[in-house]
Amino acid sequence: MFATIQRLIESDARLHVAAANLTPHADLYALGLTPYSAVRLLLSLEREFDAQLPRDLLTRETMRSIDSISQALRMAQRAGHRDAA
């Protein structure tokens, strides 16, 4: 999941550093993530992982790092599996 999120950050977030240099807890906003690029990234993440983040996870904190994005995606995927059952 980490590598896929890195790839999407590289293509959609337009940070001041290469996504390959990001650590799991790097603050994406401090590295140049804007609200507009966060929305672009969010849409790409949802499409790539076939998961829709619940409204309560559509926050700045969710998009702050690769780790927080991963956690939110896992929660959304689990919720999606429960809804499908």
Protein backbone atom coordinates (compact mmCIF):
# COMPACT_ATOMS: atom_id res chain seq x y z
CA MET A 1 0.00 0.00 0.00
CA PHE A 2 2.87 2.38 0.88
CA ALA A 3 4.41 2.23 -2.60
CA THR A 4 1.05 2.77 -4.31
CA ILE A 5 0.29 5.80 -2.14
CA GLN A 6 3.78 7.16 -2.88
CA ARG A 7 3.16 6.76 -6.62
CA LEU A 8 -0.17 8.61 -6.38
CA ILE A 9 1.41 11.37 -4.30
CA GLU A 10 4.09 11.74 -6.96
CA SER A 11 1.52 12.08 -9.74
CA ASP A 12 -1.18 14.12 -7.97
CA ALA A 13 0.22 16.02 -4.99
CA ARG A 14 3.07 17.99 -6.58
CA LEU A 15 5.11 18.26 -3.40
CA HIS A 16 8.41 20.09 -2.98
CA VAL A 17 10.21 16.74 -2.60
CA ALA A 18 10.14 13.48 -4.53
CA ALA A 19 7.59 11.03 -3.16
CA ALA A 20 10.30 8.34 -3.12
CA ASN A 21 11.98 10.30 -0.30
CA LEU A 22 8.90 10.40 1.93
CA THR A 23 8.73 8.56 5.23
CA PRO A 24 5.44 7.13 6.51
CA HIS A 25 4.98 10.02 8.95
CA ALA A 26 6.25 12.92 6.80
CA ASP A 27 3.90 15.92 6.99
CA LEU A 28 2.59 16.26 3.44
CA TYR A 29 1.19 19.73 4.12
CA ALA A 30 4.58 20.96 5.34
CA LEU A 31 6.03 19.58 2.10
CA GLY A 32 3.62 21.51 -0.12
CA LEU A 33 0.32 19.63 -0.20
CA THR A 34 -2.44 22.15 -0.92
CA PRO A 35 -6.19 21.71 -0.39
CA TYR A 36 -6.63 21.38 -4.16
CA SER A 37 -3.92 18.73 -4.51
CA ALA A 38 -5.29 16.91 -1.44
CA VAL A 39 -8.66 16.55 -3.19
CA ARG A 40 -6.97 15.32 -6.38
CA LEU A 41 -4.98 12.83 -4.34
CA LEU A 42 -8.07 11.70 -2.43
CA LEU A 43 -9.96 10.98 -5.66
CA SER A 44 -7.03 9.00 -7.05
CA LEU A 45 -6.69 7.03 -3.81
CA GLU A 46 -10.38 6.13 -3.77
CA ARG A 47 -10.25 5.04 -7.40
CA GLU A 48 -7.02 3.05 -6.99
CA PHE A 49 -8.08 1.23 -3.82
CA ASP A 50 -11.78 0.94 -4.74
CA ALA A 51 -12.74 2.46 -1.41
CA GLN A 52 -14.73 5.53 -0.47
CA LEU A 53 -13.61 7.35 2.64
CA PRO A 54 -16.47 8.14 5.02
CA ARG A 55 -17.24 11.81 5.55
CA ASP A 56 -15.77 11.81 9.06
CA LEU A 57 -12.38 10.85 7.58
CA LEU A 58 -12.35 13.64 5.00
CA THR A 59 -10.08 15.79 7.13
CA ARG A 60 -6.74 17.52 6.93
CA GLU A 61 -5.41 15.05 9.51
CA THR A 62 -6.32 12.07 7.31
CA MET A 63 -4.33 13.49 4.40
CA ARG A 64 -1.37 14.64 6.54
CA SER A 65 0.89 11.59 6.02
CA ILE A 66 1.18 8.33 4.16
CA ASP A 67 0.57 6.53 7.45
CA SER A 68 -2.68 8.40 8.17
CA ILE A 69 -3.85 7.89 4.59
CA SER A 70 -3.12 4.15 4.86
CA GLN A 71 -5.07 3.87 8.10
CA ALA A 72 -8.07 5.68 6.60
CA LEU A 73 -8.02 3.50 3.48
CA ARG A 74 -7.90 0.31 5.56
CA MET A 75 -10.88 1.52 7.59
CA ALA A 76 -12.80 2.39 4.42
CA GLN A 77 -12.01 -0.98 2.85
CA ARG A 78 -13.15 -2.85 5.97
CA ALA A 79 -16.35 -0.79 6.09
CA GLY A 80 -16.95 -1.53 2.41
CA HIS A 81 -16.60 -5.26 2.99
CA ARG A 82 -19.08 -5.12 5.87
CA ASP A 83 -21.57 -3.16 3.75
CA ALA A 84 -21.32 -5.71 0.95
CA ALA A 85 -22.06 -8.64 3.28
